[in-house]
Amino acid sequence: MANFYKSNTYSLTTTNLTTILTINVSSIAIVKSVQASHATASNVDVDLYVKKSGGSDVEIAHVELNKSSENMVKGILNLEAGDVLKMQADSANEITGQVSYLLVDRSQENG
C-alpha cells in the first residue's frame, strides 16, 4: 500500500455539474480541503456533491461566494474506490480552486 499527497486544480467553465476528482477502483482518498475561490464582486452559489460508486449525486456542501474563497470541507471527507467528487456553480467561468487529498493506493495489496 502506497500513500501519495496530491492536489488537483479545477475551473468551473459551465453551470453544469462538473467532476473535480475521481477515485480509481484500486484506491481510497482522504480529502483535506476543497478550496473554492471567486475573484469578482458578485454572488455565486457553489454546491459540492459526492457520488458513491453505483449511487447518485448527493449534495454535501453549499457556499455563497462574493469576492472571497472558502474551504468547502469543514472536516475530513473519506472517499472510497470509484467515488466521484463534483461541483456546480450558478455562474460560469467564476469559480476556480484546488482539491488537496491523501490518495491510498491499494493496488499492490495481497488478497
N, C-alpha and C. Protein backbone atom coordinates (compact mmCIF):
# COMPACT_ATOMS: atom_id res chain seq x y z
N MET A 1 0.85 -1.16 0.00
CA MET A 1 0.00 0.00 0.00
C MET A 1 0.90 1.23 0.00
N ALA A 2 0.61 2.16 -0.91
CA ALA A 2 1.41 3.38 -1.02
C ALA A 2 0.51 4.60 -0.81
N ASN A 3 1.06 5.59 -0.11
CA ASN A 3 0.33 6.83 0.15
C ASN A 3 0.94 7.97 -0.66
N PHE A 4 0.08 8.79 -1.27
CA PHE A 4 0.52 9.92 -2.06
C PHE A 4 -0.28 11.16 -1.66
N TYR A 5 0.42 12.24 -1.31
CA TYR A 5 -0.25 13.51 -1.06
C TYR A 5 -0.39 14.20 -2.40
N LYS A 6 -1.64 14.54 -2.77
CA LYS A 6 -1.90 15.07 -4.10
C LYS A 6 -2.79 16.31 -4.03
N SER A 7 -2.77 17.05 -5.13
CA SER A 7 -3.71 18.17 -5.27
C SER A 7 -4.05 18.32 -6.75
N ASN A 8 -5.29 18.69 -7.00
CA ASN A 8 -5.78 18.96 -8.35
C ASN A 8 -6.40 20.34 -8.35
N THR A 9 -6.17 21.10 -9.41
CA THR A 9 -6.87 22.37 -9.56
C THR A 9 -8.05 22.16 -10.50
N TYR A 10 -9.01 23.07 -10.40
CA TYR A 10 -10.18 23.00 -11.27
C TYR A 10 -10.67 24.40 -11.59
N SER A 11 -11.45 24.49 -12.66
CA SER A 11 -12.10 25.73 -13.07
C SER A 11 -13.49 25.35 -13.56
N LEU A 12 -14.52 25.95 -12.99
CA LEU A 12 -15.89 25.65 -13.41
C LEU A 12 -16.25 26.56 -14.58
N THR A 13 -16.13 26.03 -15.79
CA THR A 13 -16.33 26.83 -17.01
C THR A 13 -17.77 26.82 -17.49
N THR A 14 -18.61 25.99 -16.88
CA THR A 14 -20.03 25.95 -17.21
C THR A 14 -20.84 25.96 -15.92
N THR A 15 -22.16 26.00 -16.07
CA THR A 15 -23.03 25.87 -14.89
C THR A 15 -23.46 24.42 -14.69
N ASN A 16 -22.93 23.52 -15.49
CA ASN A 16 -23.24 22.09 -15.36
C ASN A 16 -22.50 21.49 -14.18
N LEU A 17 -23.02 20.40 -13.66
CA LEU A 17 -22.33 19.63 -12.63
C LEU A 17 -21.03 19.12 -13.24
N THR A 18 -19.89 19.42 -12.58
CA THR A 18 -18.56 19.15 -13.13
C THR A 18 -17.76 18.26 -12.19
N THR A 19 -17.18 17.19 -12.72
CA THR A 19 -16.33 16.31 -11.94
C THR A 19 -15.01 17.00 -11.64
N ILE A 20 -14.63 17.04 -10.35
CA ILE A 20 -13.35 17.65 -9.97
C ILE A 20 -12.36 16.62 -9.42
N LEU A 21 -12.85 15.41 -9.07
CA LEU A 21 -11.97 14.36 -8.57
C LEU A 21 -12.67 13.01 -8.70
N THR A 22 -11.96 12.03 -9.26
CA THR A 22 -12.46 10.66 -9.34
C THR A 22 -11.44 9.74 -8.69
N ILE A 23 -11.90 8.88 -7.81
CA ILE A 23 -11.01 7.93 -7.14
C ILE A 23 -11.06 6.61 -7.91
N ASN A 24 -9.90 6.13 -8.35
CA ASN A 24 -9.90 4.89 -9.14
C ASN A 24 -10.28 3.70 -8.27
N VAL A 25 -10.55 2.59 -8.92
CA VAL A 25 -11.10 1.44 -8.22
C VAL A 25 -10.09 0.70 -7.33
N SER A 26 -8.82 1.07 -7.39
CA SER A 26 -7.83 0.42 -6.53
C SER A 26 -7.30 1.36 -5.45
N SER A 27 -8.02 2.45 -5.18
CA SER A 27 -7.55 3.43 -4.20
C SER A 27 -8.70 3.92 -3.31
N ILE A 28 -8.31 4.58 -2.24
CA ILE A 28 -9.23 5.35 -1.41
C ILE A 28 -8.57 6.71 -1.19
N ALA A 29 -9.34 7.70 -0.74
CA ALA A 29 -8.76 9.03 -0.52
C ALA A 29 -9.32 9.66 0.74
N ILE A 30 -8.48 10.44 1.38
CA ILE A 30 -8.89 11.28 2.49
C ILE A 30 -8.71 12.72 2.02
N VAL A 31 -9.84 13.41 1.83
CA VAL A 31 -9.81 14.78 1.30
C VAL A 31 -9.63 15.74 2.46
N LYS A 32 -8.59 16.55 2.37
CA LYS A 32 -8.30 17.56 3.40
C LYS A 32 -9.05 18.85 3.14
N SER A 33 -9.09 19.27 1.86
CA SER A 33 -9.76 20.52 1.55
C SER A 33 -10.24 20.56 0.10
N VAL A 34 -11.33 21.29 -0.10
CA VAL A 34 -11.82 21.64 -1.43
C VAL A 34 -11.97 23.15 -1.40
N GLN A 35 -10.93 23.82 -1.84
CA GLN A 35 -10.89 25.28 -1.82
C GLN A 35 -11.62 25.82 -3.04
N ALA A 36 -12.56 26.74 -2.81
CA ALA A 36 -13.29 27.40 -3.90
C ALA A 36 -13.03 28.90 -3.80
N SER A 37 -12.73 29.52 -4.93
CA SER A 37 -12.38 30.94 -4.94
C SER A 37 -13.16 31.68 -6.02
N HIS A 38 -13.58 32.89 -5.68
CA HIS A 38 -14.33 33.75 -6.61
C HIS A 38 -13.70 35.14 -6.53
N ALA A 39 -13.30 35.69 -7.69
CA ALA A 39 -12.49 36.92 -7.70
C ALA A 39 -13.28 38.21 -7.89
N THR A 40 -14.54 38.15 -8.30
CA THR A 40 -15.27 39.39 -8.57
C THR A 40 -16.34 39.64 -7.52
N ALA A 41 -16.84 40.85 -7.51
CA ALA A 41 -17.83 41.27 -6.50
C ALA A 41 -19.25 41.00 -7.00
N SER A 42 -19.60 39.74 -7.05
CA SER A 42 -20.97 39.33 -7.35
C SER A 42 -21.19 38.00 -6.65
N ASN A 43 -22.41 37.73 -6.25
CA ASN A 43 -22.71 36.50 -5.53
C ASN A 43 -22.77 35.31 -6.48
N VAL A 44 -22.08 34.23 -6.10
CA VAL A 44 -22.14 32.98 -6.85
C VAL A 44 -22.40 31.85 -5.86
N ASP A 45 -23.46 31.08 -6.11
CA ASP A 45 -23.75 29.90 -5.30
C ASP A 45 -22.95 28.73 -5.82
N VAL A 46 -22.30 28.01 -4.91
CA VAL A 46 -21.46 26.87 -5.27
C VAL A 46 -21.89 25.67 -4.43
N ASP A 47 -22.09 24.53 -5.10
CA ASP A 47 -22.52 23.31 -4.44
C ASP A 47 -21.49 22.22 -4.67
N LEU A 48 -21.23 21.42 -3.63
CA LEU A 48 -20.30 20.30 -3.70
C LEU A 48 -21.09 19.01 -3.53
N TYR A 49 -20.84 18.04 -4.41
CA TYR A 49 -21.56 16.77 -4.41
C TYR A 49 -20.58 15.61 -4.34
N VAL A 50 -21.03 14.50 -3.78
CA VAL A 50 -20.28 13.25 -3.86
C VAL A 50 -21.20 12.21 -4.49
N LYS A 51 -20.61 11.40 -5.35
CA LYS A 51 -21.33 10.29 -5.96
C LYS A 51 -20.61 9.02 -5.55
N LYS A 52 -21.27 8.22 -4.72
CA LYS A 52 -20.70 6.95 -4.30
C LYS A 52 -20.75 5.98 -5.48
N SER A 53 -19.84 5.06 -5.54
CA SER A 53 -19.79 4.09 -6.63
C SER A 53 -21.15 3.41 -6.78
N GLY A 54 -21.76 3.58 -7.96
CA GLY A 54 -23.06 2.97 -8.23
C GLY A 54 -24.25 3.74 -7.69
N GLY A 55 -24.01 4.85 -7.01
CA GLY A 55 -25.09 5.63 -6.41
C GLY A 55 -25.42 6.88 -7.22
N SER A 56 -26.13 7.79 -6.60
CA SER A 56 -26.49 9.04 -7.25
C SER A 56 -25.76 10.21 -6.59
N ASP A 57 -25.79 11.37 -7.23
CA ASP A 57 -25.14 12.57 -6.70
C ASP A 57 -25.86 13.05 -5.45
N VAL A 58 -25.10 13.32 -4.38
CA VAL A 58 -25.64 13.81 -3.12
C VAL A 58 -24.92 15.10 -2.75
N GLU A 59 -25.67 16.17 -2.52
CA GLU A 59 -25.05 17.43 -2.13
C GLU A 59 -24.54 17.33 -0.70
N ILE A 60 -23.27 17.74 -0.50
CA ILE A 60 -22.68 17.66 0.84
C ILE A 60 -22.24 19.02 1.38
N ALA A 61 -22.19 20.04 0.52
CA ALA A 61 -21.80 21.37 0.99
C ALA A 61 -22.33 22.43 0.03
N HIS A 62 -22.57 23.62 0.59
CA HIS A 62 -23.06 24.75 -0.20
C HIS A 62 -22.46 26.03 0.38
N VAL A 63 -21.95 26.90 -0.50
CA VAL A 63 -21.46 28.21 -0.07
C VAL A 63 -21.91 29.26 -1.07
N GLU A 64 -21.97 30.49 -0.60
CA GLU A 64 -22.19 31.63 -1.48
C GLU A 64 -20.93 32.48 -1.40
N LEU A 65 -20.27 32.67 -2.55
CA LEU A 65 -19.02 33.42 -2.59
C LEU A 65 -19.23 34.77 -3.25
N ASN A 66 -18.61 35.78 -2.69
CA ASN A 66 -18.65 37.14 -3.22
C ASN A 66 -17.27 37.74 -3.00
N LYS A 67 -16.43 37.65 -4.02
CA LYS A 67 -15.04 38.11 -3.93
C LYS A 67 -14.36 37.52 -2.69
N SER A 68 -14.43 36.20 -2.60
CA SER A 68 -13.91 35.50 -1.43
C SER A 68 -13.51 34.08 -1.80
N SER A 69 -12.95 33.37 -0.83
CA SER A 69 -12.64 31.96 -1.00
C SER A 69 -13.03 31.22 0.27
N GLU A 70 -13.26 29.92 0.11
CA GLU A 70 -13.68 29.13 1.26
C GLU A 70 -13.33 27.67 1.04
N ASN A 71 -12.99 26.99 2.17
CA ASN A 71 -12.80 25.55 2.15
C ASN A 71 -14.17 24.91 2.33
N MET A 72 -14.62 24.15 1.34
CA MET A 72 -15.96 23.56 1.41
C MET A 72 -16.00 22.28 2.22
N VAL A 73 -14.84 21.76 2.63
CA VAL A 73 -14.78 20.58 3.50
C VAL A 73 -14.37 21.06 4.89
N LYS A 74 -15.30 21.02 5.81
CA LYS A 74 -15.04 21.54 7.16
C LYS A 74 -14.34 20.53 8.07
N GLY A 75 -14.39 19.28 7.72
CA GLY A 75 -13.72 18.22 8.47
C GLY A 75 -12.96 17.36 7.49
N ILE A 76 -13.02 16.07 7.69
CA ILE A 76 -12.37 15.14 6.78
C ILE A 76 -13.44 14.49 5.93
N LEU A 77 -13.15 14.34 4.65
CA LEU A 77 -14.06 13.68 3.72
C LEU A 77 -13.37 12.40 3.22
N ASN A 78 -13.95 11.25 3.53
CA ASN A 78 -13.41 9.97 3.08
C ASN A 78 -14.08 9.57 1.78
N LEU A 79 -13.28 9.25 0.78
CA LEU A 79 -13.80 8.76 -0.50
C LEU A 79 -13.28 7.36 -0.72
N GLU A 80 -14.18 6.48 -1.15
CA GLU A 80 -13.84 5.09 -1.40
C GLU A 80 -13.60 4.85 -2.88
N ALA A 81 -13.16 3.66 -3.21
CA ALA A 81 -12.90 3.29 -4.60
C ALA A 81 -14.11 3.56 -5.47
N GLY A 82 -13.90 4.26 -6.58
CA GLY A 82 -14.97 4.56 -7.52
C GLY A 82 -15.79 5.79 -7.20
N ASP A 83 -15.57 6.44 -6.07
CA ASP A 83 -16.32 7.64 -5.72
C ASP A 83 -15.90 8.82 -6.58
N VAL A 84 -16.82 9.75 -6.78
CA VAL A 84 -16.58 10.93 -7.60
C VAL A 84 -16.99 12.18 -6.83
N LEU A 85 -16.14 13.20 -6.85
CA LEU A 85 -16.44 14.49 -6.24
C LEU A 85 -16.78 15.46 -7.36
N LYS A 86 -17.94 16.15 -7.21
CA LYS A 86 -18.41 17.05 -8.26
C LYS A 86 -18.76 18.40 -7.67
N MET A 87 -18.76 19.41 -8.54
CA MET A 87 -19.07 20.76 -8.09
C MET A 87 -19.93 21.44 -9.15
N GLN A 88 -20.76 22.39 -8.70
CA GLN A 88 -21.61 23.15 -9.61
C GLN A 88 -21.75 24.57 -9.09
N ALA A 89 -21.68 25.54 -9.99
CA ALA A 89 -21.88 26.94 -9.65
C ALA A 89 -23.01 27.49 -10.51
N ASP A 90 -23.69 28.52 -10.01
CA ASP A 90 -24.80 29.08 -10.78
C ASP A 90 -24.34 30.13 -11.79
N SER A 91 -23.02 30.30 -11.93
CA SER A 91 -22.47 31.22 -12.91
C SER A 91 -21.20 30.60 -13.50
N ALA A 92 -21.07 30.62 -14.82
CA ALA A 92 -19.91 30.00 -15.48
C ALA A 92 -18.69 30.91 -15.43
N ASN A 93 -17.51 30.29 -15.46
CA ASN A 93 -16.22 31.00 -15.51
C ASN A 93 -15.99 31.94 -14.34
N GLU A 94 -16.50 31.60 -13.18
CA GLU A 94 -16.36 32.44 -11.99
C GLU A 94 -15.61 31.75 -10.85
N ILE A 95 -15.66 30.41 -10.81
CA ILE A 95 -15.11 29.67 -9.67
C ILE A 95 -13.91 28.84 -10.10
N THR A 96 -12.83 28.97 -9.34
CA THR A 96 -11.64 28.13 -9.50
C THR A 96 -11.25 27.63 -8.13
N GLY A 97 -10.38 26.64 -8.11
CA GLY A 97 -9.95 26.15 -6.80
C GLY A 97 -9.02 24.97 -6.88
N GLN A 98 -8.86 24.34 -5.72
CA GLN A 98 -7.94 23.21 -5.58
C GLN A 98 -8.52 22.19 -4.61
N VAL A 99 -8.30 20.91 -4.93
CA VAL A 99 -8.65 19.80 -4.05
C VAL A 99 -7.34 19.22 -3.53
N SER A 100 -7.19 19.12 -2.21
CA SER A 100 -6.00 18.53 -1.60
C SER A 100 -6.41 17.26 -0.87
N TYR A 101 -5.66 16.17 -1.12
CA TYR A 101 -6.07 14.89 -0.55
C TYR A 101 -4.90 13.92 -0.43
N LEU A 102 -5.11 12.92 0.41
CA LEU A 102 -4.19 11.80 0.55
C LEU A 102 -4.78 10.64 -0.22
N LEU A 103 -4.06 10.14 -1.21
CA LEU A 103 -4.50 9.00 -2.01
C LEU A 103 -3.80 7.76 -1.48
N VAL A 104 -4.57 6.76 -1.10
CA VAL A 104 -4.03 5.49 -0.61
C VAL A 104 -4.22 4.47 -1.72
N ASP A 105 -3.11 4.10 -2.37
CA ASP A 105 -3.14 3.14 -3.47
C ASP A 105 -3.10 1.73 -2.91
N ARG A 106 -4.15 0.97 -3.17
CA ARG A 106 -4.25 -0.39 -2.64
C ARG A 106 -4.00 -1.43 -3.71
N SER A 107 -3.50 -1.04 -4.87
CA SER A 107 -3.36 -1.98 -5.99
C SER A 107 -2.33 -3.08 -5.75
N GLN A 108 -1.38 -2.85 -4.86
CA GLN A 108 -0.32 -3.84 -4.62
C GLN A 108 -0.59 -4.73 -3.40
N GLU A 109 -1.81 -4.60 -2.81
CA GLU A 109 -2.14 -5.43 -1.66
C GLU A 109 -2.38 -6.88 -2.09
N ASN A 110 -2.03 -7.80 -1.22
CA ASN A 110 -2.32 -9.22 -1.46
C ASN A 110 -3.69 -9.54 -0.90
N GLY A 111 -4.46 -10.30 -1.64
CA GLY A 111 -5.76 -10.78 -1.16
C GLY A 111 -6.74 -9.76 -1.21
